[in-house]
Amino acid sequence: MPTVVAGGRELEIEWHGSSGGAAPLVFLHEGLGSVSSWRDFPARVAEVTGRTALVYSRAGHGRSQQPLGPRAPGFMDEESVVLGELLDAAGVGEAVLFGHSDGASIALIHAAAAPARVRGLVLEAPHVFVEDLTLRSIEAAREAFRHGDLRRRLARHHEQVDVAFRGWNDVWLDPAFRSLDLVPHVRRVTAPLLLIQGRDDPYGTLAQLDAIEAAATVPVRRLVLEKCGHSPHRDQPDAVIGAARDFLGF
């Protein structure tokens, strides 16, 4: 398993495709995701776009080392810093960030902080503020983890499944996290945006995309998929790959 050190932790990575000279794609997983939870999607995008793809698991996820301590409500800002260190360690200069859910929010923060480095953003189900719908679904996930089969299903993707789950669930349900507001970051993004959302996403509504589009000062493309939940790249991969391919022509 290839790894790099970023944020003081050893993080698992995976490469796909061969370099064609264009900025590589960097995939940032959702709150319960990892390298393996993306399945073959990054490889498919790399093949279709002719770009290299780098996938990594944040600390506490997949086969990466555990975080140094519990996550705080400001963890997305901290993960943006780690992302910069990871790109340096992996030898990546400019990049296109492809983020899903929490990973999309982290990608957005990083694009605002390091505009010269980010050539484009593909954001699936991004969160720029906290919705009641999201919290209800996260509370339901907690019950499924405790009493259902969610723990068993997640264990396929995480060496320390309890750490991965608690690191996501606890911080989202922390009352201090309700103040999340990434709209100011959107205004500082200089890279073009592709926003993707499932109409039936139980973790967020189209209000997230509306807020990003209203604040953005760069070109924005938007793809809303019918009969699609929180993971468009799993529910409708061909549609997402096609949109990403067209978008990457900028």
C-alpha atoms as a PDB file:
ATOM      1  CA  MET A   1       0.000   0.000   0.000  1.00  0.00           C
ATOM      2  CA  PRO A   2       1.619   3.281  -1.082  1.00  0.00           C
ATOM      3  CA  THR A   3       1.570   6.036   1.537  1.00  0.00           C
ATOM      4  CA  VAL A   4       2.684   9.616   2.099  1.00  0.00           C
ATOM      5  CA  VAL A   5       3.118  11.554   5.323  1.00  0.00           C
ATOM      6  CA  ALA A   6       0.903  14.613   5.728  1.00  0.00           C
ATOM      7  CA  GLY A   7      -0.446  16.246   8.856  1.00  0.00           C
ATOM      8  CA  GLY A   8       2.008  14.153  10.839  1.00  0.00           C
ATOM      9  CA  ARG A   9       0.235  10.930   9.859  1.00  0.00           C
ATOM     10  CA  GLU A  10       0.896   8.231   7.291  1.00  0.00           C
ATOM     11  CA  LEU A  11      -1.922   8.346   4.735  1.00  0.00           C
ATOM     12  CA  GLU A  12      -2.748   5.675   2.190  1.00  0.00           C
ATOM     13  CA  ILE A  13      -2.823   6.783  -1.440  1.00  0.00           C
ATOM     14  CA  GLU A  14      -3.624   5.217  -4.778  1.00  0.00           C
ATOM     15  CA  TRP A  15      -2.687   6.368  -8.276  1.00  0.00           C
ATOM     16  CA  HIS A  16      -4.566   5.755 -11.504  1.00  0.00           C
ATOM     17  CA  GLY A  17      -3.848   6.595 -15.121  1.00  0.00           C
ATOM     18  CA  SER A  18      -0.738   7.958 -16.738  1.00  0.00           C
ATOM     19  CA  SER A  19       0.343  11.572 -16.873  1.00  0.00           C
ATOM     20  CA  GLY A  20      -0.632  13.386 -20.028  1.00  0.00           C
ATOM     21  CA  GLY A  21       0.699  16.725 -18.865  1.00  0.00           C
ATOM     22  CA  ALA A  22      -2.654  18.090 -17.659  1.00  0.00           C
ATOM     23  CA  ALA A  23      -3.226  18.844 -13.992  1.00  0.00           C
ATOM     24  CA  PRO A  24      -4.011  15.581 -12.159  1.00  0.00           C
ATOM     25  CA  LEU A  25      -7.304  14.837 -10.467  1.00  0.00           C
ATOM     26  CA  VAL A  26      -7.269  14.510  -6.680  1.00  0.00           C
ATOM     27  CA  PHE A  27     -10.205  12.682  -5.083  1.00  0.00           C
ATOM     28  CA  LEU A  28     -11.435  13.653  -1.600  1.00  0.00           C
ATOM     29  CA  HIS A  29     -13.836  11.149  -0.054  1.00  0.00           C
ATOM     30  CA  GLU A  30     -17.011  11.649   1.945  1.00  0.00           C
ATOM     31  CA  GLY A  31     -17.267  11.615   5.740  1.00  0.00           C
ATOM     32  CA  LEU A  32     -17.410   7.818   5.924  1.00  0.00           C
ATOM     33  CA  GLY A  33     -15.291   7.196   2.837  1.00  0.00           C
ATOM     34  CA  SER A  34     -11.800   5.959   2.021  1.00  0.00           C
ATOM     35  CA  VAL A  35      -9.672   4.992  -0.956  1.00  0.00           C
ATOM     36  CA  SER A  36     -11.523   1.689  -1.340  1.00  0.00           C
ATOM     37  CA  SER A  37     -15.009   3.186  -1.020  1.00  0.00           C
ATOM     38  CA  TRP A  38     -14.502   5.009  -4.350  1.00  0.00           C
ATOM     39  CA  ARG A  39     -14.246   1.554  -5.985  1.00  0.00           C
ATOM     40  CA  ASP A  40     -13.259   1.862  -9.664  1.00  0.00           C
ATOM     41  CA  PHE A  41     -14.655   5.348 -10.184  1.00  0.00           C
ATOM     42  CA  PRO A  42     -11.363   7.337 -10.064  1.00  0.00           C
ATOM     43  CA  ALA A  43      -9.756   4.879 -12.500  1.00  0.00           C
ATOM     44  CA  ARG A  44     -12.671   5.315 -14.895  1.00  0.00           C
ATOM     45  CA  VAL A  45     -12.470   9.101 -14.728  1.00  0.00           C
ATOM     46  CA  ALA A  46      -8.702   8.969 -15.263  1.00  0.00           C
ATOM     47  CA  GLU A  47      -9.159   6.791 -18.344  1.00  0.00           C
ATOM     48  CA  VAL A  48     -11.894   8.929 -19.889  1.00  0.00           C
ATOM     49  CA  THR A  49     -10.153  12.252 -19.237  1.00  0.00           C
ATOM     50  CA  GLY A  50      -6.593  11.131 -19.931  1.00  0.00           C
ATOM     51  CA  ARG A  51      -5.426  12.518 -16.605  1.00  0.00           C
ATOM     52  CA  THR A  52      -3.637  11.021 -13.643  1.00  0.00           C
ATOM     53  CA  ALA A  53      -5.834  10.496 -10.589  1.00  0.00           C
ATOM     54  CA  LEU A  54      -4.642  10.533  -6.969  1.00  0.00           C
ATOM     55  CA  VAL A  55      -6.943   9.101  -4.305  1.00  0.00           C
ATOM     56  CA  TYR A  56      -6.216   9.219  -0.578  1.00  0.00           C
ATOM     57  CA  SER A  57      -7.772   8.363   2.774  1.00  0.00           C
ATOM     58  CA  ARG A  58      -7.807  11.026   5.461  1.00  0.00           C
ATOM     59  CA  ALA A  59      -6.412  10.131   8.896  1.00  0.00           C
ATOM     60  CA  GLY A  60      -8.691   7.674  10.663  1.00  0.00           C
ATOM     61  CA  HIS A  61     -10.127   6.379   7.390  1.00  0.00           C
ATOM     62  CA  GLY A  62      -9.309   3.337   5.335  1.00  0.00           C
ATOM     63  CA  ARG A  63      -5.772   2.155   6.040  1.00  0.00           C
ATOM     64  CA  SER A  64      -4.384   5.539   6.998  1.00  0.00           C
ATOM     65  CA  GLN A  65      -3.003   6.145  10.476  1.00  0.00           C
ATOM     66  CA  GLN A  66      -5.386   7.295  13.153  1.00  0.00           C
ATOM     67  CA  PRO A  67      -5.722  11.030  13.887  1.00  0.00           C
ATOM     68  CA  LEU A  68      -3.722  12.500  16.724  1.00  0.00           C
ATOM     69  CA  GLY A  69      -6.906  13.332  18.646  1.00  0.00           C
ATOM     70  CA  PRO A  70     -10.668  13.775  18.363  1.00  0.00           C
ATOM     71  CA  ARG A  71     -11.893  15.941  15.511  1.00  0.00           C
ATOM     72  CA  ALA A  72     -12.962  19.458  16.404  1.00  0.00           C
ATOM     73  CA  PRO A  73     -15.675  21.501  14.638  1.00  0.00           C
ATOM     74  CA  GLY A  74     -12.944  23.200  12.605  1.00  0.00           C
ATOM     75  CA  PHE A  75     -11.682  19.905  11.175  1.00  0.00           C
ATOM     76  CA  MET A  76     -12.408  20.882   7.556  1.00  0.00           C
ATOM     77  CA  ASP A  77      -9.967  23.794   7.770  1.00  0.00           C
ATOM     78  CA  GLU A  78      -7.393  21.462   9.321  1.00  0.00           C
ATOM     79  CA  GLU A  79      -7.917  18.926   6.533  1.00  0.00           C
ATOM     80  CA  SER A  80      -7.390  21.662   3.940  1.00  0.00           C
ATOM     81  CA  VAL A  81      -3.926  22.229   5.402  1.00  0.00           C
ATOM     82  CA  VAL A  82      -3.233  18.479   5.366  1.00  0.00           C
ATOM     83  CA  LEU A  83      -4.306  18.363   1.717  1.00  0.00           C
ATOM     84  CA  GLY A  84      -1.644  20.921   0.835  1.00  0.00           C
ATOM     85  CA  GLU A  85       0.987  18.842   2.617  1.00  0.00           C
ATOM     86  CA  LEU A  86      -0.219  15.704   0.860  1.00  0.00           C
ATOM     87  CA  LEU A  87       0.019  17.325  -2.569  1.00  0.00           C
ATOM     88  CA  ASP A  88       3.564  18.465  -1.779  1.00  0.00           C
ATOM     89  CA  ALA A  89       4.540  14.997  -0.551  1.00  0.00           C
ATOM     90  CA  ALA A  90       3.016  13.352  -3.625  1.00  0.00           C
ATOM     91  CA  GLY A  91       4.766  15.741  -6.000  1.00  0.00           C
ATOM     92  CA  VAL A  92       1.535  17.326  -7.245  1.00  0.00           C
ATOM     93  CA  GLY A  93       1.667  20.983  -8.246  1.00  0.00           C
ATOM     94  CA  GLU A  94      -1.537  22.213  -9.857  1.00  0.00           C
ATOM     95  CA  ALA A  95      -4.554  19.928  -9.493  1.00  0.00           C
ATOM     96  CA  VAL A  96      -8.248  19.528 -10.171  1.00  0.00           C
ATOM     97  CA  LEU A  97     -10.006  18.609  -6.928  1.00  0.00           C
ATOM     98  CA  PHE A  98     -12.896  16.133  -7.065  1.00  0.00           C
ATOM     99  CA  GLY A  99     -14.599  16.114  -3.676  1.00  0.00           C
ATOM    100  CA  HIS A 100     -17.626  14.264  -2.352  1.00  0.00           C
ATOM    101  CA  SER A 101     -19.685  15.553   0.601  1.00  0.00           C
ATOM    102  CA  ASP A 102     -17.218  16.444   3.401  1.00  0.00           C
ATOM    103  CA  GLY A 103     -14.459  16.013   0.828  1.00  0.00           C
ATOM    104  CA  ALA A 104     -16.179  18.559  -1.422  1.00  0.00           C
ATOM    105  CA  SER A 105     -16.290  21.059   1.437  1.00  0.00           C
ATOM    106  CA  ILE A 106     -12.597  20.507   2.184  1.00  0.00           C
ATOM    107  CA  ALA A 107     -11.769  20.933  -1.509  1.00  0.00           C
ATOM    108  CA  LEU A 108     -13.669  24.210  -1.560  1.00  0.00           C
ATOM    109  CA  ILE A 109     -11.788  25.539   1.459  1.00  0.00           C
ATOM    110  CA  HIS A 110      -8.462  24.529  -0.079  1.00  0.00           C
ATOM    111  CA  ALA A 111      -9.294  26.168  -3.408  1.00  0.00           C
ATOM    112  CA  ALA A 112      -9.997  29.431  -1.578  1.00  0.00           C
ATOM    113  CA  ALA A 113      -6.767  29.176   0.426  1.00  0.00           C
ATOM    114  CA  ALA A 114      -4.490  28.103  -2.448  1.00  0.00           C
ATOM    115  CA  PRO A 115      -6.001  29.542  -5.650  1.00  0.00           C
ATOM    116  CA  ALA A 116      -2.806  29.242  -7.671  1.00  0.00           C
ATOM    117  CA  ARG A 117      -2.764  25.507  -7.096  1.00  0.00           C
ATOM    118  CA  VAL A 118      -6.358  24.541  -7.942  1.00  0.00           C
ATOM    119  CA  ARG A 119      -7.283  24.517 -11.631  1.00  0.00           C
ATOM    120  CA  GLY A 120     -10.843  23.278 -11.217  1.00  0.00           C
ATOM    121  CA  LEU A 121     -13.342  21.921  -8.705  1.00  0.00           C
ATOM    122  CA  VAL A 122     -15.823  19.083  -9.103  1.00  0.00           C
ATOM    123  CA  LEU A 123     -18.040  19.124  -6.019  1.00  0.00           C
ATOM    124  CA  GLU A 124     -20.483  16.284  -5.382  1.00  0.00           C
ATOM    125  CA  ALA A 125     -23.070  16.907  -2.652  1.00  0.00           C
ATOM    126  CA  PRO A 126     -21.044  19.722  -1.046  1.00  0.00           C
ATOM    127  CA  HIS A 127     -21.916  21.209   2.349  1.00  0.00           C
ATOM    128  CA  VAL A 128     -21.471  24.952   2.828  1.00  0.00           C
ATOM    129  CA  PHE A 129     -23.855  25.216   5.786  1.00  0.00           C
ATOM    130  CA  VAL A 130     -25.678  22.780   8.071  1.00  0.00           C
ATOM    131  CA  GLU A 131     -29.254  21.764   7.267  1.00  0.00           C
ATOM    132  CA  ASP A 132     -31.740  20.117   9.632  1.00  0.00           C
ATOM    133  CA  LEU A 133     -32.213  17.385   7.018  1.00  0.00           C
ATOM    134  CA  THR A 134     -28.514  16.575   7.219  1.00  0.00           C
ATOM    135  CA  LEU A 135     -28.532  16.274  10.988  1.00  0.00           C
ATOM    136  CA  ARG A 136     -31.592  14.024  10.961  1.00  0.00           C
ATOM    137  CA  SER A 137     -29.878  11.680   8.522  1.00  0.00           C
ATOM    138  CA  ILE A 138     -26.664  11.691  10.557  1.00  0.00           C
ATOM    139  CA  GLU A 139     -28.646  10.838  13.695  1.00  0.00           C
ATOM    140  CA  ALA A 140     -30.293   7.983  11.772  1.00  0.00           C
ATOM    141  CA  ALA A 141     -26.852   6.772  10.690  1.00  0.00           C
ATOM    142  CA  ARG A 142     -25.804   6.679  14.338  1.00  0.00           C
ATOM    143  CA  GLU A 143     -28.701   4.355  15.114  1.00  0.00           C
ATOM    144  CA  ALA A 144     -27.892   2.192  12.093  1.00  0.00           C
ATOM    145  CA  PHE A 145     -24.284   1.956  13.249  1.00  0.00           C
ATOM    146  CA  ARG A 146     -25.285   1.000  16.789  1.00  0.00           C
ATOM    147  CA  HIS A 147     -28.167  -1.332  16.032  1.00  0.00           C
ATOM    148  CA  GLY A 148     -28.132  -2.097  12.307  1.00  0.00           C
ATOM    149  CA  ASP A 149     -25.637  -3.366   9.754  1.00  0.00           C
ATOM    150  CA  LEU A 150     -23.853  -0.086   8.986  1.00  0.00           C
ATOM    151  CA  ARG A 151     -20.869  -0.978  11.140  1.00  0.00           C
ATOM    152  CA  ARG A 152     -20.396  -4.273   9.303  1.00  0.00           C
ATOM    153  CA  ARG A 153     -20.632  -2.588   5.901  1.00  0.00           C
ATOM    154  CA  LEU A 154     -18.171   0.148   6.823  1.00  0.00           C
ATOM    155  CA  ALA A 155     -15.696  -2.372   8.249  1.00  0.00           C
ATOM    156  CA  ARG A 156     -14.905  -3.448   4.685  1.00  0.00           C
ATOM    157  CA  HIS A 157     -13.342  -0.030   4.069  1.00  0.00           C
ATOM    158  CA  HIS A 158     -11.775   0.934   7.420  1.00  0.00           C
ATOM    159  CA  GLU A 159      -9.203  -0.789   9.596  1.00  0.00           C
ATOM    160  CA  GLN A 160     -10.535   1.107  12.628  1.00  0.00           C
ATOM    161  CA  VAL A 161     -14.215   1.387  11.796  1.00  0.00           C
ATOM    162  CA  ASP A 162     -15.268   2.892  15.134  1.00  0.00           C
ATOM    163  CA  VAL A 163     -12.683   5.660  14.815  1.00  0.00           C
ATOM    164  CA  ALA A 164     -13.831   6.448  11.276  1.00  0.00           C
ATOM    165  CA  PHE A 165     -17.493   6.551  12.215  1.00  0.00           C
ATOM    166  CA  ARG A 166     -17.118   8.514  15.449  1.00  0.00           C
ATOM    167  CA  GLY A 167     -14.772  10.997  13.765  1.00  0.00           C
ATOM    168  CA  TRP A 168     -17.542  11.874  11.329  1.00  0.00           C
ATOM    169  CA  ASN A 169     -20.690  11.413  13.397  1.00  0.00           C
ATOM    170  CA  ASP A 170     -19.602  13.083  16.624  1.00  0.00           C
ATOM    171  CA  VAL A 171     -18.320  16.286  15.059  1.00  0.00           C
ATOM    172  CA  TRP A 172     -21.367  16.768  12.831  1.00  0.00           C
ATOM    173  CA  LEU A 173     -23.658  16.369  15.842  1.00  0.00           C
ATOM    174  CA  ASP A 174     -21.584  18.752  17.971  1.00  0.00           C
ATOM    175  CA  PRO A 175     -23.753  21.879  18.528  1.00  0.00           C
ATOM    176  CA  ALA A 176     -20.737  24.049  17.718  1.00  0.00           C
ATOM    177  CA  PHE A 177     -20.694  22.650  14.184  1.00  0.00           C
ATOM    178  CA  ARG A 178     -24.078  24.263  13.431  1.00  0.00           C
ATOM    179  CA  SER A 179     -22.241  27.520  12.721  1.00  0.00           C
ATOM    180  CA  LEU A 180     -20.502  26.085   9.625  1.00  0.00           C
ATOM    181  CA  ASP A 181     -20.508  28.726   6.878  1.00  0.00           C
ATOM    182  CA  LEU A 182     -18.294  28.203   3.843  1.00  0.00           C
ATOM    183  CA  VAL A 183     -19.955  30.831   1.651  1.00  0.00           C
ATOM    184  CA  PRO A 184     -17.125  33.350   2.312  1.00  0.00           C
ATOM    185  CA  HIS A 185     -14.696  30.738   0.955  1.00  0.00           C
ATOM    186  CA  VAL A 186     -16.746  30.406  -2.237  1.00  0.00           C
ATOM    187  CA  ARG A 187     -16.219  34.096  -2.976  1.00  0.00           C
ATOM    188  CA  ARG A 188     -12.431  33.593  -2.958  1.00  0.00           C
ATOM    189  CA  VAL A 189     -12.411  30.612  -5.343  1.00  0.00           C
ATOM    190  CA  THR A 190     -10.820  31.452  -8.698  1.00  0.00           C
ATOM    191  CA  ALA A 191     -11.193  28.054 -10.383  1.00  0.00           C
ATOM    192  CA  PRO A 192     -14.255  26.982 -12.406  1.00  0.00           C
ATOM    193  CA  LEU A 193     -16.831  24.855 -10.601  1.00  0.00           C
ATOM    194  CA  LEU A 194     -18.881  21.799 -11.480  1.00  0.00           C
ATOM    195  CA  LEU A 195     -21.607  21.169  -8.893  1.00  0.00           C
ATOM    196  CA  ILE A 196     -23.337  17.771  -8.756  1.00  0.00           C
ATOM    197  CA  GLN A 197     -26.269  16.804  -6.549  1.00  0.00           C
ATOM    198  CA  GLY A 198     -28.805  13.993  -6.414  1.00  0.00           C
ATOM    199  CA  ARG A 199     -32.397  15.163  -6.202  1.00  0.00           C
ATOM    200  CA  ASP A 200     -33.097  12.551  -3.490  1.00  0.00           C
ATOM    201  CA  ASP A 201     -30.002  13.208  -1.378  1.00  0.00           C
ATOM    202  CA  PRO A 202     -30.926  12.565   2.283  1.00  0.00           C
ATOM    203  CA  TYR A 203     -27.890  14.542   3.490  1.00  0.00           C
ATOM    204  CA  GLY A 204     -28.448  17.824   1.686  1.00  0.00           C
ATOM    205  CA  THR A 205     -30.751  19.832  -0.549  1.00  0.00           C
ATOM    206  CA  LEU A 206     -30.271  21.948  -3.645  1.00  0.00           C
ATOM    207  CA  ALA A 207     -30.019  24.942  -1.320  1.00  0.00           C
ATOM    208  CA  GLN A 208     -26.336  24.020  -0.970  1.00  0.00           C
ATOM    209  CA  LEU A 209     -25.781  24.409  -4.708  1.00  0.00           C
ATOM    210  CA  ASP A 210     -27.887  27.572  -4.783  1.00  0.00           C
ATOM    211  CA  ALA A 211     -25.707  29.162  -2.098  1.00  0.00           C
ATOM    212  CA  ILE A 212     -22.492  28.285  -3.938  1.00  0.00           C
ATOM    213  CA  GLU A 213     -23.773  29.498  -7.278  1.00  0.00           C
ATOM    214  CA  ALA A 214     -25.031  32.773  -5.794  1.00  0.00           C
ATOM    215  CA  ALA A 215     -21.678  33.522  -4.146  1.00  0.00           C
ATOM    216  CA  ALA A 216     -19.342  32.319  -6.908  1.00  0.00           C
ATOM    217  CA  THR A 217     -17.439  34.815  -9.038  1.00  0.00           C
ATOM    218  CA  VAL A 218     -16.265  32.123 -11.491  1.00  0.00           C
ATOM    219  CA  PRO A 219     -18.034  30.003 -14.123  1.00  0.00           C
ATOM    220  CA  VAL A 220     -20.333  27.411 -12.536  1.00  0.00           C
ATOM    221  CA  ARG A 221     -21.826  24.336 -14.144  1.00  0.00           C
ATOM    222  CA  ARG A 222     -24.561  22.425 -12.381  1.00  0.00           C
ATOM    223  CA  LEU A 223     -25.780  18.842 -12.719  1.00  0.00           C
ATOM    224  CA  VAL A 224     -28.858  17.734 -10.761  1.00  0.00           C
ATOM    225  CA  LEU A 225     -29.635  14.053 -11.145  1.00  0.00           C
ATOM    226  CA  GLU A 226     -33.116  12.618 -10.744  1.00  0.00           C
ATOM    227  CA  LYS A 227     -33.630   9.402  -8.776  1.00  0.00           C
ATOM    228  CA  CYS A 228     -30.198   9.880  -7.234  1.00  0.00           C
ATOM    229  CA  GLY A 229     -29.079   9.979  -3.613  1.00  0.00           C
ATOM    230  CA  HIS A 230     -26.026  11.215  -1.758  1.00  0.00           C
ATOM    231  CA  SER A 231     -23.443   9.467  -3.955  1.00  0.00           C
ATOM    232  CA  PRO A 232     -24.018  10.371  -7.618  1.00  0.00           C
ATOM    233  CA  HIS A 233     -20.766   8.675  -8.652  1.00  0.00           C
ATOM    234  CA  ARG A 234     -22.223   5.387  -7.377  1.00  0.00           C
ATOM    235  CA  ASP A 235     -25.865   5.919  -8.295  1.00  0.00           C
ATOM    236  CA  GLN A 236     -25.284   7.324 -11.795  1.00  0.00           C
ATOM    237  CA  PRO A 237     -21.574   7.004 -12.609  1.00  0.00           C
ATOM    238  CA  ASP A 238     -21.902   7.405 -16.365  1.00  0.00           C
ATOM    239  CA  ALA A 239     -23.688  10.735 -16.002  1.00  0.00           C
ATOM    240  CA  VAL A 240     -21.072  12.009 -13.551  1.00  0.00           C
ATOM    241  CA  ILE A 241     -18.148  10.827 -15.674  1.00  0.00           C
ATOM    242  CA  GLY A 242     -19.654  12.458 -18.769  1.00  0.00           C
ATOM    243  CA  ALA A 243     -20.152  15.750 -16.947  1.00  0.00           C
ATOM    244  CA  ALA A 244     -16.612  15.643 -15.544  1.00  0.00           C
ATOM    245  CA  ARG A 245     -15.144  14.898 -18.982  1.00  0.00           C
ATOM    246  CA  ASP A 246     -16.972  17.846 -20.548  1.00  0.00           C
ATOM    247  CA  PHE A 247     -16.119  20.158 -17.647  1.00  0.00           C
ATOM    248  CA  LEU A 248     -12.409  19.369 -17.758  1.00  0.00           C
ATOM    249  CA  GLY A 249     -12.214  20.948 -21.167  1.00  0.00           C
ATOM    250  CA  PHE A 250     -12.830  24.201 -19.245  1.00  0.00           C
END
